[in-house]
Amino acid sequence: MPVPAAMRRYLRKVLRGTLGLAIGATTAVAEFFYVLFGGIALAVPAFRRTVFSGARTLSEMERQRLEKYFGAENATDYTARRAMAYLVPRCAIGLLTAGIFGMILLGAGSGVIIGFQLLDGRSPGGEAPADWYDPVTTALFGALLVFLSLQGLIGAATLDHKLAMRFFGPSKKEQLRRRVSELATSRAEVVEAVNGERRRIERDLHDGVQQRLVALGMLLGRARRAGDPDHASELLRQAHEESQRALEDLREVSWRVYPIALDSDGLHPALEALAERSGVPVHLRVDLPERPPAAIETVVYFVASEAVTNTIKHAAATRIDIEAERDGDSVRVRITDDGTGGARESGGGLSGLAMRVAAADGRFSVDSPPGGPTVVTAVLPCE
């Protein structure tokens, strides 16, 4: 039975984090001796610059380890003195982690020995025949030790991360630089998203409504030139049907540009109308005790609308689920389909959605393994 993609990603994350902790436990030994002898050397003014420089090198190694194995991005504008101060608690946490790994190895070795003793009919320790309860108590005690060991590793990883954030956290200058960069990027994305919307509207009008109106004009022209009243009546009937189709196309374009129900009635009725117009059955669940700001409602609606459109065009799905709910100070919208999968955030309309969500300081993700299902998620702040 194949392992689901989400489970594979989770296992890779766990293994990567465990490797990062093991490396941190190893480097903590060198850091302990460096802090010990470097602290003594700081008493000599001539050695201070060298000691602080070495502390900066060791701290930078730790910062890169946390970034590589835990995805913890921290600033690089910390001082050498701050790096030396970081190494003091860091080596203590690393040695604690090394102790946890040592206990795990010792427990694993003991478990193997006890397992062989039980298989040989002896009780743990090998001094007496095994009783019926020995395997049970051994399994329960082993499960407890495994649980405590895992909790210890999780706690050590959390302490490691928080310590780095405390000492390597971005300064106000770095925070300002990042915010300026984010605003510049989001401004460019807004411009690109607007241009993309304009191109889409022009394409819809040219390929849909304009073609209908051209056909309507041709039918009316033929009706005017027709000498046979019956033939002219038939052409007028066709022209009337073509005008109705043109109105439907125009109404569809206007809904895609901006649904009036979003302003007058709110997000829930607009999503209900979207579900009714869909060619694939849409199951809707909206849990929003309070109406979000109009700008957030607009983004949520267009995320759902574009995701549904992409599903109908490309996914060969038989069911679409739309969920919109409040998540703390944010609104989360999730669109799930049972189609063929393989969608990418960088492709087609989804890239435009990502830019639209980023412009609203939101988070956007697409999980679409081959074979499905596809899950499009957007989280938008309401504050």
Protein backbone atom coordinates (compact mmCIF):
# COMPACT_ATOMS: atom_id res chain seq x y z
CA MET A 1 0.00 0.00 0.00
CA PRO A 2 1.63 3.29 -1.07
CA VAL A 3 2.37 5.89 1.60
CA PRO A 4 0.36 9.13 1.11
CA ALA A 5 2.34 12.15 -0.04
CA ALA A 6 1.46 14.12 3.11
CA MET A 7 2.77 11.29 5.30
CA ARG A 8 6.00 11.11 3.29
CA ARG A 9 6.53 14.83 3.72
CA TYR A 10 5.89 14.55 7.44
CA LEU A 11 8.34 11.67 7.83
CA ARG A 12 11.00 13.57 5.88
CA LYS A 13 10.46 16.56 8.15
CA VAL A 14 10.80 14.40 11.28
CA LEU A 15 13.96 12.71 10.00
CA ARG A 16 15.47 16.03 8.96
CA GLY A 17 14.71 17.54 12.38
CA THR A 18 16.16 14.52 14.19
CA LEU A 19 19.35 14.79 12.14
CA GLY A 20 19.54 18.50 12.95
CA LEU A 21 19.22 17.75 16.67
CA ALA A 22 21.91 15.07 16.46
CA ILE A 23 24.31 17.50 14.76
CA GLY A 24 23.50 20.13 17.38
CA ALA A 25 24.22 17.65 20.15
CA THR A 26 27.63 16.93 18.62
CA THR A 27 28.61 20.59 18.16
CA ALA A 28 27.54 21.34 21.75
CA VAL A 29 30.58 19.46 23.04
CA ALA A 30 32.97 21.76 21.17
CA GLU A 31 30.90 24.79 22.19
CA PHE A 32 31.07 23.77 25.86
CA PHE A 33 34.87 23.71 25.86
CA TYR A 34 34.98 26.92 23.83
CA VAL A 35 32.74 28.71 26.34
CA LEU A 36 34.78 27.30 29.24
CA PHE A 37 38.23 28.27 27.97
CA GLY A 38 37.04 31.27 25.97
CA GLY A 39 35.40 32.70 29.09
CA ILE A 40 38.72 32.43 30.89
CA ALA A 41 40.53 34.01 27.94
CA LEU A 42 38.17 37.01 28.02
CA ALA A 43 39.93 38.08 31.20
CA VAL A 44 42.91 38.98 28.98
CA PRO A 45 42.03 42.07 26.88
CA ALA A 46 44.36 41.03 24.05
CA PHE A 47 42.40 37.82 23.47
CA ARG A 48 38.89 39.28 23.53
CA ARG A 49 38.64 40.11 19.86
CA THR A 50 39.79 36.60 18.87
CA VAL A 51 37.40 34.94 21.32
CA PHE A 52 34.43 36.97 20.11
CA SER A 53 35.33 36.25 16.48
CA GLY A 54 35.39 32.51 17.15
CA ALA A 55 32.06 32.75 18.97
CA ARG A 56 30.61 34.48 15.93
CA THR A 57 31.81 31.61 13.71
CA LEU A 58 30.29 28.94 15.96
CA SER A 59 27.02 30.86 16.29
CA GLU A 60 26.79 31.25 12.54
CA MET A 61 27.18 27.48 12.17
CA GLU A 62 24.28 27.00 14.59
CA ARG A 63 22.15 29.57 12.79
CA GLN A 64 22.71 27.80 9.47
CA ARG A 65 21.95 24.42 11.08
CA LEU A 66 18.62 25.69 12.37
CA GLU A 67 17.78 27.19 9.00
CA LYS A 68 18.70 24.05 7.04
CA TYR A 69 17.09 21.40 9.24
CA PHE A 70 14.25 23.31 10.93
CA GLY A 71 13.48 26.08 8.45
CA ALA A 72 14.12 28.72 11.16
CA GLU A 73 15.24 31.87 9.36
CA ASN A 74 17.07 34.34 11.60
CA ALA A 75 18.90 37.59 11.01
CA THR A 76 22.65 37.78 10.48
CA ASP A 77 23.18 41.27 11.91
CA TYR A 78 23.90 40.12 15.49
CA THR A 79 27.10 41.22 17.24
CA ALA A 80 30.04 39.02 18.24
CA ARG A 81 29.35 39.71 21.92
CA ARG A 82 25.77 38.56 21.43
CA ALA A 83 27.09 35.41 19.75
CA MET A 84 29.25 34.64 22.80
CA ALA A 85 26.26 35.17 25.09
CA TYR A 86 24.22 32.80 22.89
CA LEU A 87 26.75 29.97 23.14
CA VAL A 88 26.43 29.74 26.93
CA PRO A 89 22.81 28.48 27.07
CA ARG A 90 23.16 26.87 23.64
CA CYS A 91 25.84 24.41 24.76
CA ALA A 92 23.70 23.50 27.80
CA ILE A 93 20.73 22.71 25.55
CA GLY A 94 22.98 20.78 23.17
CA LEU A 95 24.43 18.68 25.98
CA LEU A 96 20.91 18.01 27.25
CA THR A 97 19.99 16.82 23.77
CA ALA A 98 23.09 14.62 23.68
CA GLY A 99 21.99 13.09 26.99
CA ILE A 100 18.55 12.33 25.55
CA PHE A 101 20.10 10.65 22.51
CA GLY A 102 22.38 8.67 24.82
CA MET A 103 19.40 7.47 26.85
CA ILE A 104 17.60 6.50 23.65
CA LEU A 105 20.57 4.44 22.48
CA LEU A 106 20.95 2.86 25.91
CA GLY A 107 17.23 2.08 26.02
CA ALA A 108 17.30 0.60 22.52
CA GLY A 109 20.22 -1.64 23.45
CA SER A 110 18.54 -2.73 26.66
CA GLY A 111 15.32 -3.40 24.76
CA VAL A 112 17.13 -5.69 22.33
CA ILE A 113 18.72 -7.64 25.19
CA ILE A 114 15.43 -7.95 27.10
CA GLY A 115 13.65 -9.01 23.92
CA PHE A 116 16.09 -11.86 23.38
CA GLN A 117 15.71 -12.90 27.01
CA LEU A 118 11.92 -13.02 26.70
CA LEU A 119 12.13 -15.02 23.46
CA ASP A 120 14.42 -17.44 25.30
CA GLY A 121 11.80 -17.89 28.02
CA ARG A 122 13.64 -15.90 30.67
CA SER A 123 12.41 -12.89 32.61
CA PRO A 124 14.07 -9.47 32.13
CA GLY A 125 17.48 -9.85 33.72
CA GLY A 126 17.71 -13.51 32.77
CA GLU A 127 17.81 -14.86 36.35
CA ALA A 128 14.41 -16.61 36.40
CA PRO A 129 11.84 -18.11 33.99
CA ALA A 130 9.55 -15.55 32.40
CA ASP A 131 6.04 -15.08 33.78
CA TRP A 132 3.03 -14.24 31.63
CA TYR A 133 3.07 -10.60 32.70
CA ASP A 134 6.74 -9.96 31.82
CA PRO A 135 6.13 -9.20 28.11
CA VAL A 136 3.17 -6.96 29.01
CA THR A 137 5.01 -4.91 31.61
CA THR A 138 8.09 -4.71 29.40
CA ALA A 139 6.04 -3.45 26.43
CA LEU A 140 4.20 -0.86 28.56
CA PHE A 141 7.41 0.35 30.20
CA GLY A 142 9.14 0.50 26.81
CA ALA A 143 6.26 2.49 25.29
CA LEU A 144 6.45 4.94 28.21
CA LEU A 145 10.20 5.42 27.71
CA VAL A 146 9.72 5.96 23.96
CA PHE A 147 7.05 8.57 24.66
CA LEU A 148 9.24 10.39 27.20
CA SER A 149 12.22 10.30 24.83
CA LEU A 150 10.20 11.77 21.97
CA GLN A 151 8.83 14.49 24.25
CA GLY A 152 12.37 15.24 25.35
CA LEU A 153 13.56 15.63 21.76
CA ILE A 154 10.58 17.85 20.88
CA GLY A 155 11.26 19.98 23.96
CA ALA A 156 14.95 20.28 23.09
CA ALA A 157 14.11 21.32 19.53
CA THR A 158 11.67 23.94 20.82
CA LEU A 159 14.23 25.35 23.26
CA ASP A 160 16.86 25.41 20.51
CA HIS A 161 14.53 27.33 18.21
CA LYS A 162 13.38 29.83 20.84
CA LEU A 163 16.93 30.47 21.99
CA ALA A 164 18.01 31.28 18.45
CA MET A 165 15.03 33.60 18.02
CA ARG A 166 16.00 35.34 21.26
CA PHE A 167 19.59 35.98 20.24
CA PHE A 168 19.40 35.97 16.42
CA GLY A 169 15.96 37.51 16.05
CA PRO A 170 15.87 40.33 13.52
CA SER A 171 16.73 43.77 14.78
CA LYS A 172 14.42 46.72 14.15
CA LYS A 173 16.58 47.70 11.20
CA GLU A 174 16.33 44.20 9.73
CA GLN A 175 12.57 44.09 10.36
CA LEU A 176 12.17 47.41 8.55
CA ARG A 177 14.28 46.20 5.64
CA ARG A 178 12.20 43.02 5.33
CA ARG A 179 8.95 44.94 5.50
CA VAL A 180 10.07 47.35 2.79
CA SER A 181 11.07 44.39 0.62
CA GLU A 182 7.70 42.71 1.22
CA LEU A 183 5.81 45.88 0.34
CA ALA A 184 7.82 46.38 -2.84
CA THR A 185 7.16 42.78 -3.84
CA SER A 186 3.45 42.95 -3.03
CA ARG A 187 3.11 46.21 -4.97
CA ALA A 188 4.61 44.59 -8.04
CA GLU A 189 2.35 41.58 -7.55
CA VAL A 190 -0.73 43.80 -7.28
CA VAL A 191 0.17 45.52 -10.54
CA GLU A 192 0.73 42.15 -12.22
CA ALA A 193 -2.53 40.77 -10.83
CA VAL A 194 -4.48 43.79 -12.09
CA ASN A 195 -2.89 43.50 -15.53
CA GLY A 196 -3.72 39.79 -15.55
CA GLU A 197 -7.35 40.56 -14.69
CA ARG A 198 -7.53 43.08 -17.50
CA ARG A 199 -6.12 40.60 -19.98
CA ARG A 200 -8.61 37.96 -18.82
CA ILE A 201 -11.58 40.35 -19.13
CA GLU A 202 -10.46 41.42 -22.61
CA ARG A 203 -10.11 37.79 -23.64
CA ASP A 204 -13.55 36.91 -22.26
CA LEU A 205 -15.17 39.84 -24.05
CA HIS A 206 -13.34 39.18 -27.32
CA ASP A 207 -13.84 35.42 -27.42
CA GLY A 208 -17.35 35.39 -25.97
CA VAL A 209 -19.54 38.46 -26.07
CA GLN A 210 -17.97 40.03 -29.15
CA GLN A 211 -18.33 36.86 -31.19
CA ARG A 212 -21.97 36.59 -30.15
CA LEU A 213 -22.66 40.18 -31.17
CA VAL A 214 -20.95 39.66 -34.54
CA ALA A 215 -23.13 36.61 -35.17
CA LEU A 216 -26.20 38.59 -34.09
CA GLY A 217 -25.38 41.41 -36.52
CA MET A 218 -24.92 38.93 -39.37
CA LEU A 219 -28.29 37.32 -38.66
CA LEU A 220 -30.06 40.68 -38.54
CA GLY A 221 -28.37 41.71 -41.81
CA ARG A 222 -29.50 38.52 -43.52
CA ALA A 223 -33.03 39.03 -42.17
CA ARG A 224 -33.17 42.54 -43.66
CA ARG A 225 -32.07 41.28 -47.08
CA ALA A 226 -34.34 38.24 -47.07
CA GLY A 227 -37.20 38.46 -49.57
CA ASP A 228 -39.12 35.52 -48.16
CA PRO A 229 -41.09 36.52 -45.01
CA ASP A 230 -40.88 33.00 -43.61
CA HIS A 231 -37.09 32.93 -44.04
CA ALA A 232 -36.80 36.41 -42.49
CA SER A 233 -38.93 35.26 -39.51
CA GLU A 234 -36.63 32.25 -39.00
CA LEU A 235 -33.54 34.47 -39.10
CA LEU A 236 -35.11 36.85 -36.56
CA ARG A 237 -35.83 33.88 -34.29
CA GLN A 238 -32.19 32.82 -34.51
CA ALA A 239 -31.11 36.40 -33.86
CA HIS A 240 -33.29 36.52 -30.75
CA GLU A 241 -31.72 33.28 -29.43
CA GLU A 242 -28.25 34.63 -30.20
CA SER A 243 -29.05 37.81 -28.25
CA GLN A 244 -30.07 35.68 -25.26
CA ARG A 245 -26.79 33.77 -25.42
CA ALA A 246 -24.89 37.06 -25.69
CA LEU A 247 -26.66 38.28 -22.53
CA GLU A 248 -25.74 35.07 -20.73
CA ASP A 249 -22.09 35.45 -21.74
CA LEU A 250 -22.12 39.10 -20.66
CA ARG A 251 -23.69 38.16 -17.32
CA GLU A 252 -21.04 35.48 -16.82
CA VAL A 253 -18.25 37.96 -17.57
CA SER A 254 -19.74 40.51 -15.18
CA TRP A 255 -19.92 37.86 -12.44
CA ARG A 256 -16.27 37.03 -12.97
CA VAL A 257 -15.32 40.71 -12.92
CA TYR A 258 -17.20 41.43 -9.67
CA PRO A 259 -20.45 39.84 -8.43
CA ILE A 260 -22.92 42.45 -7.24
CA ALA A 261 -24.16 39.99 -4.58
CA LEU A 262 -20.83 40.38 -2.82
CA ASP A 263 -21.59 44.02 -2.07
CA SER A 264 -25.28 43.74 -1.36
CA ASP A 265 -25.54 40.41 0.46
CA GLY A 266 -22.05 39.37 1.49
CA LEU A 267 -19.71 36.44 0.95
CA HIS A 268 -22.07 33.56 1.78
CA PRO A 269 -24.74 34.39 -0.87
CA ALA A 270 -22.02 35.11 -3.44
CA LEU A 271 -20.46 31.68 -2.83
CA GLU A 272 -23.91 30.07 -3.02
CA ALA A 273 -24.43 31.67 -6.43
CA LEU A 274 -20.99 30.42 -7.48
CA ALA A 275 -21.94 26.89 -6.42
CA GLU A 276 -25.24 27.07 -8.32
CA ARG A 277 -23.51 28.16 -11.55
CA SER A 278 -20.86 25.44 -11.36
CA GLY A 279 -21.01 22.54 -13.80
CA VAL A 280 -19.60 20.24 -11.08
CA PRO A 281 -21.50 19.61 -7.81
CA VAL A 282 -20.21 22.03 -5.17
CA HIS A 283 -20.68 21.42 -1.44
CA LEU A 284 -20.43 24.66 0.50
CA ARG A 285 -19.74 25.25 4.19
CA VAL A 286 -19.41 28.81 5.50
CA ASP A 287 -18.78 29.47 9.19
CA LEU A 288 -18.24 33.22 9.57
CA PRO A 289 -19.96 34.60 12.67
CA GLU A 290 -19.04 38.14 11.62
CA ARG A 291 -18.82 39.54 8.12
CA PRO A 292 -15.15 40.09 7.13
CA PRO A 293 -13.95 43.39 5.64
CA ALA A 294 -15.08 43.97 2.06
CA ALA A 295 -11.52 43.70 0.68
CA ILE A 296 -11.05 40.30 2.36
CA GLU A 297 -14.44 39.08 1.12
CA THR A 298 -13.43 39.99 -2.42
CA VAL A 299 -10.18 38.03 -2.23
CA VAL A 300 -11.89 35.00 -0.66
CA TYR A 301 -14.55 34.99 -3.37
CA PHE A 302 -12.08 35.19 -6.24
CA VAL A 303 -9.89 32.47 -4.72
CA ALA A 304 -12.93 30.19 -4.62
CA SER A 305 -14.15 31.26 -8.08
CA GLU A 306 -10.80 30.76 -9.82
CA ALA A 307 -10.18 27.45 -8.04
CA VAL A 308 -13.60 26.16 -9.14
CA THR A 309 -12.99 27.34 -12.70
CA ASN A 310 -9.60 25.59 -12.84
CA THR A 311 -11.12 22.40 -11.44
CA ILE A 312 -13.87 22.36 -14.05
CA LYS A 313 -11.41 23.01 -16.88
CA HIS A 314 -8.52 20.73 -15.94
CA ALA A 315 -9.22 18.33 -13.06
CA ALA A 316 -12.03 16.06 -14.35
CA ALA A 317 -13.52 16.19 -10.84
CA THR A 318 -16.93 14.93 -9.74
CA ARG A 319 -17.12 16.90 -6.48
CA ILE A 320 -15.86 20.23 -5.14
CA ASP A 321 -15.91 21.27 -1.48
CA ILE A 322 -15.63 24.93 -0.46
CA GLU A 323 -15.03 25.75 3.20
CA ALA A 324 -14.78 29.30 4.52
CA GLU A 325 -14.31 29.79 8.24
CA ARG A 326 -12.88 32.14 10.82
CA ASP A 327 -9.46 31.13 12.14
CA GLY A 328 -8.60 33.49 15.00
CA ASP A 329 -7.90 36.88 13.46
CA SER A 330 -7.94 35.42 9.94
CA VAL A 331 -10.35 33.97 7.41
CA ARG A 332 -9.44 30.59 5.93
CA VAL A 333 -10.90 29.38 2.65
CA ARG A 334 -10.20 25.85 1.46
CA ILE A 335 -11.28 24.41 -1.91
CA THR A 336 -10.95 20.64 -2.32
CA ASP A 337 -11.72 18.53 -5.38
CA ASP A 338 -11.47 14.81 -6.17
CA GLY A 339 -9.89 15.35 -9.59
CA THR A 340 -6.69 14.12 -11.18
CA GLY A 341 -4.36 16.42 -9.23
CA GLY A 342 -1.06 17.73 -10.51
CA ALA A 343 -1.97 21.43 -10.11
CA ARG A 344 0.89 23.81 -9.43
CA GLU A 345 0.85 27.15 -7.64
CA SER A 346 3.05 28.64 -10.35
CA GLY A 347 0.74 27.69 -13.20
CA GLY A 348 -2.15 29.45 -14.86
CA GLY A 349 -4.74 31.21 -12.77
CA LEU A 350 -3.34 29.89 -9.49
CA SER A 351 -0.26 32.11 -9.77
CA GLY A 352 -2.55 35.12 -10.09
CA LEU A 353 -4.41 33.99 -6.98
CA ALA A 354 -1.15 33.66 -5.08
CA MET A 355 -0.25 37.25 -6.00
CA ARG A 356 -3.72 38.50 -5.06
CA VAL A 357 -3.52 36.78 -1.65
CA ALA A 358 0.05 38.00 -1.04
CA ALA A 359 -1.05 41.56 -1.79
CA ALA A 360 -3.52 41.22 1.11
CA ASP A 361 -0.73 39.94 3.45
CA GLY A 362 -2.23 36.45 3.30
CA ARG A 363 -0.83 32.94 2.84
CA PHE A 364 -1.62 30.78 -0.17
CA SER A 365 -0.84 27.11 -0.75
CA VAL A 366 -1.67 24.35 -3.23
CA ASP A 367 -1.45 20.66 -2.30
CA SER A 368 -2.11 18.60 -5.42
CA PRO A 369 -0.29 15.26 -5.65
CA PRO A 370 -0.70 13.26 -8.88
CA GLY A 371 -3.99 11.42 -8.71
CA GLY A 372 -5.49 13.99 -6.36
CA PRO A 373 -7.06 15.28 -4.32
CA THR A 374 -6.25 18.95 -4.89
CA VAL A 375 -6.52 21.32 -1.93
CA VAL A 376 -6.22 25.08 -2.48
CA THR A 377 -5.94 27.06 0.76
CA ALA A 378 -5.80 30.79 1.43
CA VAL A 379 -5.54 32.42 4.86
CA LEU A 380 -6.22 36.16 4.98
CA PRO A 381 -5.84 38.48 8.00
CA CYS A 382 -8.91 40.41 9.10
CA GLU A 383 -7.09 42.89 11.36
